Each structure stands twice: as C-alpha cells, then as structure tokens.
Protein backbone atom coordinates (compact mmCIF):
# COMPACT_ATOMS: atom_id res chain seq x y z
CA UNK A 1 65.75 64.11 73.85
CA UNK A 2 67.94 64.13 76.95
CA UNK A 3 70.83 62.72 74.90
CA UNK A 4 70.61 65.65 72.48
CA UNK A 5 70.77 68.08 75.42
CA UNK A 6 73.77 66.27 76.83
CA UNK A 7 75.52 66.32 73.45
CA UNK A 8 74.86 70.03 73.03
CA UNK A 9 76.17 70.76 76.52
CA UNK A 10 79.23 68.60 75.83
CA UNK A 11 79.96 70.43 72.54
CA UNK A 12 79.44 73.77 74.25
CA UNK A 13 81.84 72.83 77.03
CA UNK A 14 84.43 71.73 74.46
CA UNK A 15 84.14 75.11 72.74
CA UNK A 16 84.45 76.93 76.05
CA UNK A 17 87.52 74.87 76.91
CA UNK A 18 89.11 75.66 73.54
CA UNK A 19 88.32 79.35 73.91
CA UNK A 20 89.87 79.40 77.39
CA UNK A 21 92.96 77.72 75.98
CA UNK A 22 93.19 80.40 73.30
CA UNK A 23 92.78 83.12 75.92
CA UNK A 24 95.48 81.59 78.13
CA UNK A 25 97.85 81.44 75.14
CA UNK A 26 97.16 85.11 74.35
CA UNK A 27 97.70 86.08 78.00
CA UNK A 28 101.08 84.31 77.92
CA UNK A 29 101.99 86.24 74.75
CA UNK A 30 101.02 89.53 76.39
CA UNK A 31 103.03 88.70 79.52
CA UNK A 32 106.09 87.99 77.38
CA UNK A 33 105.66 91.28 75.53
CA UNK A 34 105.25 93.20 78.79
CA UNK A 35 108.36 91.56 80.20
CA UNK A 36 110.34 92.52 77.10
CA UNK A 37 109.03 96.09 77.37
CA UNK A 38 110.08 96.27 81.02
CA UNK A 39 113.56 95.05 80.16
CA UNK A 40 113.82 97.61 77.38
CA UNK A 41 112.65 100.38 79.71
CA UNK A 42 115.25 99.41 82.29
CA UNK A 43 117.98 99.47 79.65
CA UNK A 44 116.79 102.88 78.47
CA UNK A 45 116.73 104.17 82.04
CA UNK A 46 120.25 102.91 82.59
CA UNK A 47 121.45 104.59 79.38
CA UNK A 48 119.75 107.82 80.44
CA UNK A 49 121.39 107.69 83.88
CA UNK A 50 124.80 107.07 82.30
CA UNK A 51 124.30 109.96 79.88
CA UNK A 52 123.09 112.22 82.69
CA UNK A 53 126.07 111.28 84.82
CA UNK A 54 128.47 111.97 81.97
CA UNK A 55 126.77 115.32 81.29
CA UNK A 56 126.94 116.28 84.97
CA UNK A 57 130.64 115.37 85.00
CA UNK A 58 131.34 117.62 82.04
CA UNK A 59 129.44 120.55 83.53
CA UNK A 60 131.38 120.24 86.77
CA UNK A 61 134.72 120.62 85.02
C-alpha cells in the first residue's frame, strides 16, 4: 500500500515538474515578445521625435 502511495506521489511530482517546465517556456516566450514590443516602441518614438523635429523646423522658417 505504501508503494502505491509513493508511486502516485512520484507521478504527481513528474507532472508538476513538466507543468513548471511548460510554464517557464511560456514565460520565456512572453519575455521575448515584450522585448520585441519595447524595441518597436522605441523605434516608433524615435520616428515620432524625428518627424516632430522636422515639423518644428518647417514651422520656424
């Protein structure tokens, strides 16, 4: 009877370990996506600043 309990606990722990591995993989994917979004936002901000600077230069003429 104790062996059955140990086997069940072992199987449960294996499933928990696999689930945690899946969660860690998903977290890494999300981090990569967030990083790409940040880079895109910075590029957009730069483009906006360049456009704003060009517009300000034209208005000052």
